[in-house]
C-alpha atoms as a PDB file:
ATOM      1  CA  MET A   1     -11.909 -15.638 -11.738  1.00  0.00           C
ATOM      2  CA  LYS A   2     -10.126 -12.313 -11.356  1.00  0.00           C
ATOM      3  CA  VAL A   3     -11.810  -8.985 -10.658  1.00  0.00           C
ATOM      4  CA  TYR A   4     -10.093  -5.814 -11.864  1.00  0.00           C
ATOM      5  CA  ARG A   5     -10.672  -2.276 -10.605  1.00  0.00           C
ATOM      6  CA  TYR A   6      -8.896   0.968 -11.317  1.00  0.00           C
ATOM      7  CA  LEU A   7      -9.178   3.539  -8.561  1.00  0.00           C
ATOM      8  CA  THR A   8      -8.620   7.203  -9.379  1.00  0.00           C
ATOM      9  CA  GLY A   9      -8.887  10.405  -7.423  1.00  0.00           C
ATOM     10  CA  LYS A  10      -7.209  13.428  -5.969  1.00  0.00           C
ATOM     11  CA  ASP A  11      -3.938  12.563  -4.223  1.00  0.00           C
ATOM     12  CA  ASP A  12      -5.123  12.926  -0.639  1.00  0.00           C
ATOM     13  CA  VAL A  13      -5.943  10.907   2.452  1.00  0.00           C
ATOM     14  CA  ASN A  14      -9.352   9.947   1.020  1.00  0.00           C
ATOM     15  CA  PHE A  15      -7.728   8.219  -1.956  1.00  0.00           C
ATOM     16  CA  CYS A  16      -5.343   6.410   0.391  1.00  0.00           C
ATOM     17  CA  ALA A  17      -8.336   5.322   2.489  1.00  0.00           C
ATOM     18  CA  ARG A  18     -10.083   3.884  -0.610  1.00  0.00           C
ATOM     19  CA  VAL A  19      -6.984   1.889  -1.581  1.00  0.00           C
ATOM     20  CA  THR A  20      -6.526   0.698   2.009  1.00  0.00           C
ATOM     21  CA  LYS A  21     -10.170  -0.390   2.212  1.00  0.00           C
ATOM     22  CA  ALA A  22      -9.815  -2.342  -1.054  1.00  0.00           C
ATOM     23  CA  LEU A  23      -6.616  -4.024   0.161  1.00  0.00           C
ATOM     24  CA  ASN A  24      -8.368  -5.071   3.373  1.00  0.00           C
ATOM     25  CA  ALA A  25     -11.239  -6.461   1.257  1.00  0.00           C
ATOM     26  CA  GLY A  26      -8.836  -8.860  -0.465  1.00  0.00           C
ATOM     27  CA  TYR A  27      -7.668  -6.818  -3.464  1.00  0.00           C
ATOM     28  CA  GLU A  28      -3.969  -6.624  -4.317  1.00  0.00           C
ATOM     29  CA  LEU A  29      -2.073  -3.820  -6.002  1.00  0.00           C
ATOM     30  CA  TYR A  30      -1.546  -4.457  -9.692  1.00  0.00           C
ATOM     31  CA  GLY A  31       1.234  -2.548 -11.402  1.00  0.00           C
ATOM     32  CA  SER A  32       2.579   0.858 -10.538  1.00  0.00           C
ATOM     33  CA  PRO A  33       0.439   3.830  -9.553  1.00  0.00           C
ATOM     34  CA  THR A  34      -0.109   6.610 -12.075  1.00  0.00           C
ATOM     35  CA  MET A  35      -0.047  10.339 -11.483  1.00  0.00           C
ATOM     36  CA  THR A  36      -1.068  13.414 -13.452  1.00  0.00           C
ATOM     37  CA  PHE A  37      -1.820  17.066 -12.786  1.00  0.00           C
ATOM     38  CA  ASN A  38      -5.112  18.615 -13.890  1.00  0.00           C
ATOM     39  CA  GLY A  39      -4.025  22.225 -13.415  1.00  0.00           C
ATOM     40  CA  THR A  40      -5.226  22.320  -9.828  1.00  0.00           C
ATOM     41  CA  ASP A  41      -4.701  18.948  -8.174  1.00  0.00           C
ATOM     42  CA  VAL A  42      -2.487  15.902  -8.510  1.00  0.00           C
ATOM     43  CA  ILE A  43      -4.693  13.019  -9.674  1.00  0.00           C
ATOM     44  CA  VAL A  44      -3.545   9.479  -8.918  1.00  0.00           C
ATOM     45  CA  GLY A  45      -4.646   6.052 -10.077  1.00  0.00           C
ATOM     46  CA  GLN A  46      -3.988   2.516  -8.945  1.00  0.00           C
ATOM     47  CA  ALA A  47      -5.042  -0.751 -10.548  1.00  0.00           C
ATOM     48  CA  ILE A  48      -6.110  -3.489  -8.134  1.00  0.00           C
ATOM     49  CA  MET A  49      -7.000  -7.161  -8.649  1.00  0.00           C
ATOM     50  CA  LYS A  50      -8.805  -9.768  -6.591  1.00  0.00           C
ATOM     51  CA  ASP A  51      -9.213 -13.519  -7.133  1.00  0.00           C
ATOM     52  CA  VAL A  52     -12.803 -14.631  -6.509  1.00  0.00           C
ATOM     53  CA  ALA A  53     -14.175 -18.158  -6.311  1.00  0.00           C
ATOM     54  CA  ASP A  54     -17.074 -17.579  -8.705  1.00  0.00           C
ATOM     55  CA  GLU A  55     -19.228 -14.941 -10.391  1.00  0.00           C
ATOM     56  CA  SER A  56     -21.399 -14.487  -7.299  1.00  0.00           C
ATOM     57  CA  GLU A  57     -18.553 -12.412  -5.809  1.00  0.00           C
ATOM     58  CA  VAL A  58     -18.272 -10.099  -8.844  1.00  0.00           C
ATOM     59  CA  PRO A  59     -19.904  -6.678  -8.296  1.00  0.00           C
ATOM     60  CA  GLN A  60     -23.205  -6.413 -10.211  1.00  0.00           C
ATOM     61  CA  GLY A  61     -22.123  -3.375 -12.255  1.00  0.00           C
ATOM     62  CA  LEU A  62     -19.067  -5.268 -13.481  1.00  0.00           C
ATOM     63  CA  LYS A  63     -21.198  -8.326 -14.324  1.00  0.00           C
ATOM     64  CA  ASP A  64     -23.537  -6.112 -16.350  1.00  0.00           C
ATOM     65  CA  ALA A  65     -20.624  -4.555 -18.252  1.00  0.00           C
ATOM     66  CA  MET A  66     -19.085  -7.973 -18.940  1.00  0.00           C
ATOM     67  CA  ASN A  67     -22.416  -9.275 -20.269  1.00  0.00           C
ATOM     68  CA  GLN A  68     -22.799  -6.204 -22.468  1.00  0.00           C
ATOM     69  CA  GLN A  69     -19.290  -6.716 -23.899  1.00  0.00           C
ATOM     70  CA  SER A  70     -19.949 -10.363 -24.708  1.00  0.00           C
ATOM     71  CA  SER A  71     -23.164  -9.505 -26.579  1.00  0.00           C
ATOM     72  CA  GLN A  72     -21.428  -7.025 -28.901  1.00  0.00           C
END
């Protein structure tokens, strides 16, 4: 099973730290980063993916959202 996340935030060291932490937790970069300007700050985004053995490794919030989608 694959787990998808999309990280967004201000283009600063804190965003880089979040991506680095995710990479060290087994996620891999997926696609190119995105960038926009909100009038004050540059906002960046990066999709990340991780292969997991089973649903027990999927974050609970994502499980809840997946269950909600399947019941619609």
